[in-house]
Amino acid sequence: TGAHRRIKCVDCHLPNENAAMHYLWKSIDGMKDAIVFYSGHVPEIMRLTERGEKVLQKNCVRCHDTTVTHIDTERPCWKCHRRISHTRSG
């Protein structure tokens, strides 16, 4: 929704604290995605891994740091902000 329409998948789903980690995980996740896609075993519903949840949470807090300074950042942002998703994309 809103500003989230202008960001790319990697802005939320890859580590963005430094370039080395970003490109390392981009390679790893890209290879996993290619294997899943070309094997024909794409799940109907995709779920975040535990690592993916941590990365996503860090990126929410990174982008919205001034908004979240006084709230519990341990609770996953998407638990309250369910509409910030991409279930109808692709």
Protein backbone atom coordinates (compact mmCIF):
# COMPACT_ATOMS: atom_id res chain seq x y z
CA THR A 1 0.00 0.00 0.00
CA GLY A 2 1.07 3.59 -0.49
CA ALA A 3 4.84 4.02 -0.44
CA HIS A 4 5.35 0.26 -0.26
CA ARG A 5 4.29 -0.03 -3.91
CA ARG A 6 7.51 1.73 -4.93
CA ILE A 7 9.96 -0.58 -3.18
CA LYS A 8 11.50 -3.76 -4.53
CA CYS A 9 11.35 -7.24 -2.99
CA VAL A 10 15.01 -7.03 -1.95
CA ASP A 11 14.36 -3.87 0.06
CA CYS A 12 12.37 -5.94 2.57
CA HIS A 13 13.49 -9.52 2.07
CA LEU A 14 17.30 -9.22 1.96
CA PRO A 15 19.68 -7.91 4.62
CA ASN A 16 20.50 -4.28 3.88
CA GLU A 17 22.94 -3.37 6.65
CA ASN A 18 25.95 -3.90 4.36
CA ALA A 19 26.57 -4.71 0.71
CA ALA A 20 28.51 -7.94 1.29
CA MET A 21 25.69 -9.57 3.27
CA HIS A 22 23.11 -8.25 0.83
CA TYR A 23 24.79 -9.84 -2.19
CA LEU A 24 25.69 -13.05 -0.34
CA TRP A 25 22.05 -13.64 0.60
CA LYS A 26 20.83 -12.44 -2.80
CA SER A 27 22.93 -15.26 -4.34
CA ILE A 28 21.79 -17.88 -1.85
CA ASP A 29 18.09 -16.96 -1.99
CA GLY A 30 18.21 -16.58 -5.78
CA MET A 31 19.66 -20.06 -6.18
CA LYS A 32 17.04 -21.54 -3.85
CA ASP A 33 14.28 -19.76 -5.77
CA ALA A 34 15.62 -21.02 -9.10
CA ILE A 35 15.80 -24.62 -7.84
CA VAL A 36 12.26 -24.49 -6.46
CA PHE A 37 10.86 -22.86 -9.62
CA TYR A 38 12.59 -25.15 -12.12
CA SER A 39 11.91 -28.30 -10.10
CA GLY A 40 8.18 -27.58 -10.36
CA HIS A 41 7.71 -27.76 -6.58
CA VAL A 42 6.53 -24.20 -5.98
CA PRO A 43 4.33 -24.20 -2.86
CA GLU A 44 0.81 -22.83 -3.13
CA ILE A 45 1.47 -20.60 -0.11
CA MET A 46 5.00 -19.38 0.53
CA ARG A 47 6.09 -18.91 4.12
CA LEU A 48 9.00 -16.96 5.55
CA THR A 49 11.79 -18.90 7.18
CA GLU A 50 12.93 -17.91 10.66
CA ARG A 51 15.90 -16.12 9.08
CA GLY A 52 13.55 -14.41 6.62
CA GLU A 53 11.36 -13.16 9.45
CA LYS A 54 14.38 -11.64 11.22
CA VAL A 55 15.55 -9.91 8.04
CA LEU A 56 12.07 -8.58 7.28
CA GLN A 57 11.63 -7.24 10.82
CA LYS A 58 15.03 -5.52 10.72
CA ASN A 59 14.13 -3.86 7.43
CA CYS A 60 10.74 -2.67 8.70
CA VAL A 61 12.44 -1.08 11.71
CA ARG A 62 15.27 0.31 9.53
CA CYS A 63 12.84 2.13 7.21
CA HIS A 64 10.39 3.20 9.90
CA ASP A 65 12.85 3.84 12.75
CA THR A 66 11.40 7.21 13.74
CA THR A 67 7.92 5.70 13.95
CA VAL A 68 8.83 2.60 15.95
CA THR A 69 11.18 4.05 18.56
CA HIS A 70 8.53 3.86 21.30
CA ILE A 71 6.93 0.51 20.49
CA ASP A 72 7.84 -3.13 20.99
CA THR A 73 10.08 -3.92 18.01
CA GLU A 74 10.27 -7.59 19.04
CA ARG A 75 6.71 -8.17 17.84
CA PRO A 76 6.67 -8.80 14.09
CA CYS A 77 5.38 -5.72 12.28
CA TRP A 78 3.21 -7.82 9.94
CA LYS A 79 1.18 -9.17 12.87
CA CYS A 80 -0.57 -5.78 13.08
CA HIS A 81 0.05 -4.51 9.56
CA ARG A 82 -1.45 -7.43 7.67
CA ARG A 83 -2.38 -5.27 4.69
CA ILE A 84 1.30 -4.58 3.95
CA SER A 85 1.80 -7.72 1.92
CA HIS A 86 1.98 -8.97 -1.61
CA THR A 87 -0.63 -11.71 -1.75
CA ARG A 88 -2.12 -10.29 -4.94
CA SER A 89 1.17 -9.52 -6.72
CA GLY A 90 2.93 -11.51 -9.40
